Amino acid sequence: MKRDKIVGTTVLWSLASALASAVAVVGIQAASAEQQESPKLEVLLSQELADMEERNMSVIYLEYPPGTGTDAHRHPAHTVVYVISGQVESSLDDSAPVIYGAGESWYESPMQLHATFRNPSDTETFKAIAVMVRDTSKPITIMEDAR
């Protein structure tokens, strides 16, 4: 009888351990899937500028889930970014990264290297509006390694 009790307890612990492992794996997969979400970019306005040949003004909504970012890139545009909510770690050229939060903004010159651009949070989505006046004869974004 005592042996049956020990075997029963061992089986119970094995099942509990297996269940805990399964819950942990599902949790890790869910967190991993959440971090694998892609940034959302939505053009809110795109307007050709009548008095400036081959120039366009765009207003773009940006949304970066926790932990996501963009590789080094450049824009052939005058760019202003305004942070709506969350935080973003950003650096231009060879400057040290700066954390921008809600209500803050910055300017990028045409073709300036945007070396770092990522949401440093593990939990909060970064949201911003970018206003760009750009050269329409060039792509809106040029990835640094594509140059």
N, C-alpha and C. Protein backbone atom coordinates (compact mmCIF):
# COMPACT_ATOMS: atom_id res chain seq x y z
N MET A 1 0.83 -1.19 0.00
CA MET A 1 0.00 0.00 0.00
C MET A 1 0.87 1.26 0.00
N LYS A 2 1.94 1.23 0.82
CA LYS A 2 2.82 2.38 0.89
C LYS A 2 3.47 2.65 -0.47
N ARG A 3 3.86 1.58 -1.18
CA ARG A 3 4.46 1.73 -2.50
C ARG A 3 3.48 2.39 -3.47
N ASP A 4 2.20 2.01 -3.44
CA ASP A 4 1.19 2.60 -4.30
C ASP A 4 1.04 4.09 -4.03
N LYS A 5 1.15 4.47 -2.76
CA LYS A 5 1.05 5.87 -2.38
C LYS A 5 2.24 6.66 -2.95
N ILE A 6 3.44 6.08 -2.87
CA ILE A 6 4.65 6.73 -3.41
C ILE A 6 4.55 6.86 -4.92
N VAL A 7 4.13 5.79 -5.60
CA VAL A 7 3.98 5.83 -7.06
C VAL A 7 2.92 6.86 -7.44
N GLY A 8 1.81 6.88 -6.71
CA GLY A 8 0.75 7.85 -6.98
C GLY A 8 1.23 9.28 -6.81
N THR A 9 1.99 9.54 -5.76
CA THR A 9 2.55 10.87 -5.52
C THR A 9 3.54 11.24 -6.62
N THR A 10 4.37 10.29 -7.02
CA THR A 10 5.35 10.53 -8.09
C THR A 10 4.65 10.87 -9.40
N VAL A 11 3.60 10.13 -9.72
CA VAL A 11 2.82 10.39 -10.94
C VAL A 11 2.19 11.78 -10.86
N LEU A 12 1.62 12.11 -9.71
CA LEU A 12 0.99 13.40 -9.51
C LEU A 12 2.00 14.53 -9.71
N TRP A 13 3.20 14.39 -9.11
CA TRP A 13 4.24 15.41 -9.28
C TRP A 13 4.70 15.50 -10.74
N SER A 14 4.79 14.37 -11.40
CA SER A 14 5.19 14.36 -12.82
C SER A 14 4.17 15.09 -13.67
N LEU A 15 2.88 14.83 -13.41
CA LEU A 15 1.83 15.52 -14.15
C LEU A 15 1.83 17.02 -13.87
N ALA A 16 2.02 17.38 -12.61
CA ALA A 16 2.06 18.80 -12.23
C ALA A 16 3.25 19.48 -12.91
N SER A 17 4.39 18.81 -12.94
CA SER A 17 5.58 19.36 -13.58
C SER A 17 5.37 19.53 -15.09
N ALA A 18 4.75 18.52 -15.71
CA ALA A 18 4.47 18.59 -17.15
C ALA A 18 3.50 19.73 -17.45
N LEU A 19 2.48 19.89 -16.62
CA LEU A 19 1.51 20.96 -16.80
C LEU A 19 2.19 22.32 -16.64
N ALA A 20 3.03 22.47 -15.62
CA ALA A 20 3.75 23.73 -15.41
C ALA A 20 4.65 24.04 -16.60
N SER A 21 5.33 23.03 -17.13
CA SER A 21 6.20 23.22 -18.30
C SER A 21 5.38 23.66 -19.51
N ALA A 22 4.22 23.01 -19.71
CA ALA A 22 3.36 23.36 -20.85
C ALA A 22 2.88 24.80 -20.73
N VAL A 23 2.47 25.21 -19.52
CA VAL A 23 2.02 26.58 -19.30
C VAL A 23 3.16 27.56 -19.58
N ALA A 24 4.36 27.23 -19.13
CA ALA A 24 5.52 28.10 -19.37
C ALA A 24 5.81 28.22 -20.86
N VAL A 25 5.77 27.12 -21.59
CA VAL A 25 6.04 27.15 -23.03
C VAL A 25 4.99 28.00 -23.75
N VAL A 26 3.71 27.82 -23.40
CA VAL A 26 2.65 28.62 -24.01
C VAL A 26 2.87 30.10 -23.70
N GLY A 27 3.24 30.41 -22.46
CA GLY A 27 3.52 31.80 -22.09
C GLY A 27 4.67 32.39 -22.86
N ILE A 28 5.73 31.63 -23.03
CA ILE A 28 6.90 32.09 -23.79
C ILE A 28 6.52 32.29 -25.25
N GLN A 29 5.76 31.35 -25.82
CA GLN A 29 5.33 31.49 -27.21
C GLN A 29 4.45 32.71 -27.39
N ALA A 30 3.55 32.97 -26.45
CA ALA A 30 2.68 34.14 -26.54
C ALA A 30 3.49 35.41 -26.45
N ALA A 31 4.44 35.46 -25.53
CA ALA A 31 5.30 36.65 -25.41
C ALA A 31 6.13 36.82 -26.65
N SER A 32 6.63 35.72 -27.20
CA SER A 32 7.44 35.76 -28.41
C SER A 32 6.61 36.25 -29.59
N ALA A 33 5.38 35.77 -29.72
CA ALA A 33 4.50 36.20 -30.80
C ALA A 33 4.18 37.68 -30.65
N GLU A 34 3.99 38.13 -29.40
CA GLU A 34 3.70 39.54 -29.17
C GLU A 34 4.88 40.41 -29.60
N GLN A 35 6.10 39.97 -29.29
CA GLN A 35 7.27 40.75 -29.66
C GLN A 35 7.56 40.67 -31.16
N GLN A 36 7.01 39.68 -31.83
CA GLN A 36 7.24 39.55 -33.25
C GLN A 36 6.25 40.37 -34.07
N GLU A 37 5.33 41.07 -33.40
CA GLU A 37 4.41 41.93 -34.13
C GLU A 37 5.22 42.96 -34.91
N SER A 38 4.71 43.32 -36.06
CA SER A 38 5.40 44.30 -36.89
C SER A 38 4.94 45.70 -36.56
N PRO A 39 5.82 46.68 -36.78
CA PRO A 39 5.40 48.07 -36.63
C PRO A 39 4.27 48.39 -37.61
N LYS A 40 3.42 49.31 -37.23
CA LYS A 40 2.32 49.76 -38.08
C LYS A 40 2.65 51.16 -38.57
N LEU A 41 2.57 51.35 -39.88
CA LEU A 41 2.78 52.66 -40.48
C LEU A 41 1.56 52.96 -41.34
N GLU A 42 0.90 54.08 -41.08
CA GLU A 42 -0.30 54.44 -41.83
C GLU A 42 -0.18 55.88 -42.32
N VAL A 43 -0.30 56.06 -43.63
CA VAL A 43 -0.25 57.41 -44.21
C VAL A 43 -1.61 58.07 -43.96
N LEU A 44 -1.59 59.14 -43.18
CA LEU A 44 -2.83 59.86 -42.86
C LEU A 44 -3.13 60.94 -43.90
N LEU A 45 -2.06 61.49 -44.50
CA LEU A 45 -2.21 62.54 -45.52
C LEU A 45 -1.00 62.48 -46.44
N SER A 46 -1.24 62.61 -47.73
CA SER A 46 -0.17 62.71 -48.70
C SER A 46 -0.57 63.80 -49.68
N GLN A 47 0.20 64.87 -49.72
CA GLN A 47 -0.17 66.04 -50.51
C GLN A 47 1.00 66.52 -51.35
N GLU A 48 0.80 66.56 -52.68
CA GLU A 48 1.81 67.16 -53.56
C GLU A 48 1.85 68.65 -53.26
N LEU A 49 3.04 69.23 -53.26
CA LEU A 49 3.20 70.65 -52.98
C LEU A 49 3.29 71.40 -54.30
N ALA A 50 2.26 72.14 -54.62
CA ALA A 50 2.12 72.78 -55.93
C ALA A 50 3.26 73.75 -56.26
N ASP A 51 3.77 74.42 -55.26
CA ASP A 51 4.82 75.41 -55.53
C ASP A 51 6.23 74.84 -55.39
N MET A 52 6.35 73.54 -55.19
CA MET A 52 7.66 72.90 -55.06
C MET A 52 7.67 71.64 -55.92
N GLU A 53 8.31 71.71 -57.08
CA GLU A 53 8.34 70.58 -58.01
C GLU A 53 8.93 69.33 -57.37
N GLU A 54 8.29 68.19 -57.61
CA GLU A 54 8.71 66.89 -57.09
C GLU A 54 8.82 66.85 -55.56
N ARG A 55 7.95 67.56 -54.88
CA ARG A 55 7.93 67.55 -53.42
C ARG A 55 6.54 67.16 -52.93
N ASN A 56 6.52 66.43 -51.82
CA ASN A 56 5.30 65.92 -51.23
C ASN A 56 5.39 66.11 -49.73
N MET A 57 4.24 66.41 -49.12
CA MET A 57 4.18 66.43 -47.66
C MET A 57 3.33 65.25 -47.22
N SER A 58 3.86 64.45 -46.32
CA SER A 58 3.14 63.29 -45.81
C SER A 58 3.04 63.38 -44.29
N VAL A 59 1.90 62.95 -43.77
CA VAL A 59 1.71 62.81 -42.33
C VAL A 59 1.50 61.31 -42.11
N ILE A 60 2.37 60.71 -41.29
CA ILE A 60 2.38 59.26 -41.11
C ILE A 60 2.24 58.91 -39.64
N TYR A 61 1.31 58.00 -39.36
CA TYR A 61 1.10 57.48 -38.01
C TYR A 61 2.02 56.27 -37.84
N LEU A 62 2.80 56.24 -36.75
CA LEU A 62 3.73 55.15 -36.45
C LEU A 62 3.28 54.47 -35.17
N GLU A 63 3.32 53.14 -35.18
CA GLU A 63 3.01 52.37 -33.97
C GLU A 63 3.98 51.20 -33.90
N TYR A 64 4.82 51.17 -32.86
CA TYR A 64 5.82 50.13 -32.69
C TYR A 64 5.52 49.34 -31.42
N PRO A 65 5.18 48.05 -31.55
CA PRO A 65 4.94 47.22 -30.37
C PRO A 65 6.20 47.12 -29.50
N PRO A 66 6.06 46.69 -28.26
CA PRO A 66 7.23 46.55 -27.38
C PRO A 66 8.36 45.76 -28.03
N GLY A 67 9.58 46.30 -27.89
CA GLY A 67 10.77 45.60 -28.36
C GLY A 67 11.04 45.67 -29.84
N THR A 68 10.18 46.31 -30.63
CA THR A 68 10.41 46.37 -32.07
C THR A 68 11.15 47.64 -32.45
N GLY A 69 11.72 47.64 -33.64
CA GLY A 69 12.45 48.79 -34.12
C GLY A 69 12.71 48.71 -35.61
N THR A 70 13.54 49.60 -36.09
CA THR A 70 13.89 49.67 -37.50
C THR A 70 15.41 49.74 -37.61
N ASP A 71 15.96 49.03 -38.59
CA ASP A 71 17.40 49.08 -38.83
C ASP A 71 17.80 50.48 -39.31
N ALA A 72 19.09 50.75 -39.31
CA ALA A 72 19.62 52.06 -39.73
C ALA A 72 19.10 52.39 -41.13
N HIS A 73 18.67 53.66 -41.29
CA HIS A 73 18.08 54.09 -42.56
C HIS A 73 18.20 55.60 -42.73
N ARG A 74 17.79 56.07 -43.89
CA ARG A 74 17.77 57.50 -44.21
C ARG A 74 16.47 57.81 -44.93
N HIS A 75 16.05 59.08 -44.84
CA HIS A 75 14.89 59.55 -45.60
C HIS A 75 15.32 60.74 -46.45
N PRO A 76 14.97 60.77 -47.74
CA PRO A 76 15.24 61.96 -48.54
C PRO A 76 14.16 63.01 -48.26
N ALA A 77 14.09 63.42 -46.99
CA ALA A 77 12.99 64.28 -46.55
C ALA A 77 13.39 65.10 -45.33
N HIS A 78 12.74 66.25 -45.19
CA HIS A 78 12.76 66.97 -43.92
C HIS A 78 11.73 66.25 -43.07
N THR A 79 12.13 65.78 -41.90
CA THR A 79 11.24 64.94 -41.10
C THR A 79 11.16 65.47 -39.67
N VAL A 80 9.93 65.57 -39.18
CA VAL A 80 9.68 65.91 -37.77
C VAL A 80 8.85 64.76 -37.20
N VAL A 81 9.29 64.23 -36.05
CA VAL A 81 8.56 63.15 -35.38
C VAL A 81 8.07 63.68 -34.03
N TYR A 82 6.78 63.46 -33.75
CA TYR A 82 6.17 63.85 -32.49
C TYR A 82 5.66 62.58 -31.80
N VAL A 83 6.08 62.37 -30.56
CA VAL A 83 5.70 61.18 -29.80
C VAL A 83 4.34 61.40 -29.13
N ILE A 84 3.40 60.51 -29.46
CA ILE A 84 2.05 60.57 -28.86
C ILE A 84 2.05 59.86 -27.52
N SER A 85 2.58 58.62 -27.49
CA SER A 85 2.62 57.85 -26.24
C SER A 85 3.73 56.82 -26.31
N GLY A 86 4.11 56.32 -25.14
CA GLY A 86 5.20 55.37 -25.06
C GLY A 86 6.54 56.09 -25.17
N GLN A 87 7.57 55.31 -25.47
CA GLN A 87 8.92 55.86 -25.61
C GLN A 87 9.60 55.24 -26.82
N VAL A 88 10.57 55.99 -27.35
CA VAL A 88 11.39 55.48 -28.44
C VAL A 88 12.84 55.86 -28.15
N GLU A 89 13.74 54.93 -28.46
CA GLU A 89 15.16 55.21 -28.38
C GLU A 89 15.61 55.53 -29.80
N SER A 90 16.19 56.72 -29.97
CA SER A 90 16.53 57.18 -31.31
C SER A 90 17.90 57.85 -31.30
N SER A 91 18.65 57.60 -32.38
CA SER A 91 19.92 58.33 -32.53
C SER A 91 20.11 58.69 -33.99
N LEU A 92 20.70 59.86 -34.21
CA LEU A 92 20.99 60.35 -35.55
C LEU A 92 22.49 60.42 -35.74
N ASP A 93 22.95 60.02 -36.93
CA ASP A 93 24.38 60.00 -37.25
C ASP A 93 25.12 59.19 -36.18
N ASP A 94 26.18 59.76 -35.61
CA ASP A 94 26.95 59.00 -34.61
C ASP A 94 26.68 59.50 -33.18
N SER A 95 25.57 60.21 -32.98
CA SER A 95 25.25 60.71 -31.64
C SER A 95 24.74 59.57 -30.75
N ALA A 96 24.84 59.78 -29.45
CA ALA A 96 24.35 58.79 -28.49
C ALA A 96 22.83 58.69 -28.58
N PRO A 97 22.26 57.51 -28.38
CA PRO A 97 20.80 57.37 -28.40
C PRO A 97 20.14 58.21 -27.32
N VAL A 98 18.96 58.74 -27.66
CA VAL A 98 18.15 59.54 -26.75
C VAL A 98 16.80 58.85 -26.62
N ILE A 99 16.25 58.84 -25.42
CA ILE A 99 14.91 58.30 -25.19
C ILE A 99 13.93 59.47 -25.25
N TYR A 100 12.97 59.39 -26.19
CA TYR A 100 11.93 60.41 -26.31
C TYR A 100 10.63 59.83 -25.80
N GLY A 101 9.87 60.65 -25.06
CA GLY A 101 8.59 60.22 -24.51
C GLY A 101 7.46 61.10 -25.02
N ALA A 102 6.27 60.81 -24.55
CA ALA A 102 5.07 61.53 -24.97
C ALA A 102 5.26 63.04 -24.87
N GLY A 103 4.88 63.74 -25.94
CA GLY A 103 4.98 65.20 -25.99
C GLY A 103 6.30 65.72 -26.52
N GLU A 104 7.27 64.85 -26.75
CA GLU A 104 8.58 65.28 -27.25
C GLU A 104 8.66 65.06 -28.76
N SER A 105 9.59 65.78 -29.40
CA SER A 105 9.75 65.66 -30.84
C SER A 105 11.20 65.92 -31.24
N TRP A 106 11.53 65.60 -32.50
CA TRP A 106 12.85 65.88 -33.04
C TRP A 106 12.76 66.08 -34.55
N TYR A 107 13.82 66.61 -35.12
CA TYR A 107 13.92 66.89 -36.55
C TYR A 107 15.06 66.09 -37.17
N GLU A 108 14.84 65.59 -38.38
CA GLU A 108 15.88 64.92 -39.16
C GLU A 108 16.06 65.65 -40.49
N SER A 109 17.29 65.94 -40.85
CA SER A 109 17.60 66.56 -42.15
C SER A 109 17.49 65.51 -43.25
N PRO A 110 17.26 65.94 -44.50
CA PRO A 110 17.22 64.98 -45.60
C PRO A 110 18.52 64.16 -45.66
N MET A 111 18.37 62.85 -45.78
CA MET A 111 19.46 61.89 -45.91
C MET A 111 20.32 61.75 -44.66
N GLN A 112 19.89 62.31 -43.54
CA GLN A 112 20.61 62.13 -42.28
C GLN A 112 20.45 60.68 -41.83
N LEU A 113 21.52 60.09 -41.33
CA LEU A 113 21.46 58.70 -40.88
C LEU A 113 20.63 58.59 -39.61
N HIS A 114 19.60 57.75 -39.67
CA HIS A 114 18.82 57.42 -38.48
C HIS A 114 19.36 56.08 -38.01
N ALA A 115 20.38 56.14 -37.17
CA ALA A 115 21.15 54.95 -36.78
C ALA A 115 20.38 54.02 -35.85
N THR A 116 19.62 54.58 -34.90
CA THR A 116 18.86 53.78 -33.94
C THR A 116 17.42 54.26 -33.94
N PHE A 117 16.48 53.32 -33.95
CA PHE A 117 15.07 53.66 -33.81
C PHE A 117 14.36 52.42 -33.30
N ARG A 118 14.09 52.38 -31.98
CA ARG A 118 13.46 51.19 -31.40
C ARG A 118 12.66 51.55 -30.17
N ASN A 119 11.65 50.73 -29.92
CA ASN A 119 10.83 50.85 -28.73
C ASN A 119 11.54 50.07 -27.63
N PRO A 120 12.06 50.74 -26.58
CA PRO A 120 12.81 50.03 -25.55
C PRO A 120 11.93 49.33 -24.50
N SER A 121 10.64 49.55 -24.55
CA SER A 121 9.74 48.99 -23.54
C SER A 121 9.45 47.51 -23.78
N ASP A 122 9.25 46.80 -22.69
CA ASP A 122 8.84 45.40 -22.76
C ASP A 122 7.32 45.27 -22.74
N THR A 123 6.62 46.38 -22.43
CA THR A 123 5.17 46.29 -22.24
C THR A 123 4.35 47.32 -23.00
N GLU A 124 4.91 48.50 -23.26
CA GLU A 124 4.12 49.60 -23.81
C GLU A 124 4.40 49.83 -25.30
N THR A 125 3.36 50.05 -26.06
CA THR A 125 3.48 50.37 -27.49
C THR A 125 3.89 51.83 -27.65
N PHE A 126 4.78 52.09 -28.59
CA PHE A 126 5.21 53.45 -28.93
C PHE A 126 4.34 53.94 -30.08
N LYS A 127 3.80 55.17 -29.94
CA LYS A 127 2.97 55.77 -30.99
C LYS A 127 3.47 57.17 -31.28
N ALA A 128 3.51 57.51 -32.56
CA ALA A 128 4.01 58.83 -32.95
C ALA A 128 3.40 59.26 -34.28
N ILE A 129 3.58 60.52 -34.59
CA ILE A 129 3.22 61.09 -35.88
C ILE A 129 4.51 61.64 -36.50
N ALA A 130 4.75 61.30 -37.76
CA ALA A 130 5.89 61.85 -38.50
C ALA A 130 5.34 62.72 -39.63
N VAL A 131 5.92 63.90 -39.77
CA VAL A 131 5.58 64.79 -40.88
C VAL A 131 6.83 64.89 -41.74
N MET A 132 6.65 64.58 -43.03
CA MET A 132 7.79 64.56 -43.94
C MET A 132 7.51 65.42 -45.17
N VAL A 133 8.47 66.25 -45.53
CA VAL A 133 8.45 66.96 -46.82
C VAL A 133 9.58 66.33 -47.59
N ARG A 134 9.20 65.60 -48.67
CA ARG A 134 10.18 64.74 -49.31
C ARG A 134 10.27 64.92 -50.82
N ASP A 135 11.36 64.44 -51.35
CA ASP A 135 11.64 64.39 -52.77
C ASP A 135 10.93 63.16 -53.33
N THR A 136 9.93 63.36 -54.19
CA THR A 136 9.14 62.24 -54.71
C THR A 136 9.88 61.41 -55.76
N SER A 137 11.05 61.88 -56.22
CA SER A 137 11.81 61.11 -57.20
C SER A 137 12.64 60.01 -56.53
N LYS A 138 12.62 59.99 -55.18
CA LYS A 138 13.39 59.00 -54.42
C LYS A 138 12.45 58.20 -53.52
N PRO A 139 12.87 56.98 -53.13
CA PRO A 139 12.03 56.20 -52.20
C PRO A 139 11.92 56.93 -50.86
N ILE A 140 10.85 56.68 -50.15
CA ILE A 140 10.61 57.37 -48.87
C ILE A 140 11.63 56.99 -47.80
N THR A 141 12.11 55.73 -47.86
CA THR A 141 13.12 55.25 -46.92
C THR A 141 14.20 54.50 -47.67
N ILE A 142 15.44 54.77 -47.30
CA ILE A 142 16.58 54.07 -47.89
C ILE A 142 17.31 53.39 -46.75
N MET A 143 17.29 52.05 -46.76
CA MET A 143 17.96 51.29 -45.71
C MET A 143 19.47 51.49 -45.86
N GLU A 144 20.15 51.63 -44.75
CA GLU A 144 21.58 51.96 -44.76
C GLU A 144 22.41 50.91 -45.49
N ASP A 145 22.11 49.64 -45.33
CA ASP A 145 22.91 48.61 -45.99
C ASP A 145 22.60 48.50 -47.48
N ALA A 146 21.55 49.19 -47.96
CA ALA A 146 21.18 49.16 -49.38
C ALA A 146 21.90 50.25 -50.18
N ARG A 147 22.66 51.09 -49.53
CA ARG A 147 23.31 52.22 -50.20
C ARG A 147 24.48 51.77 -51.02
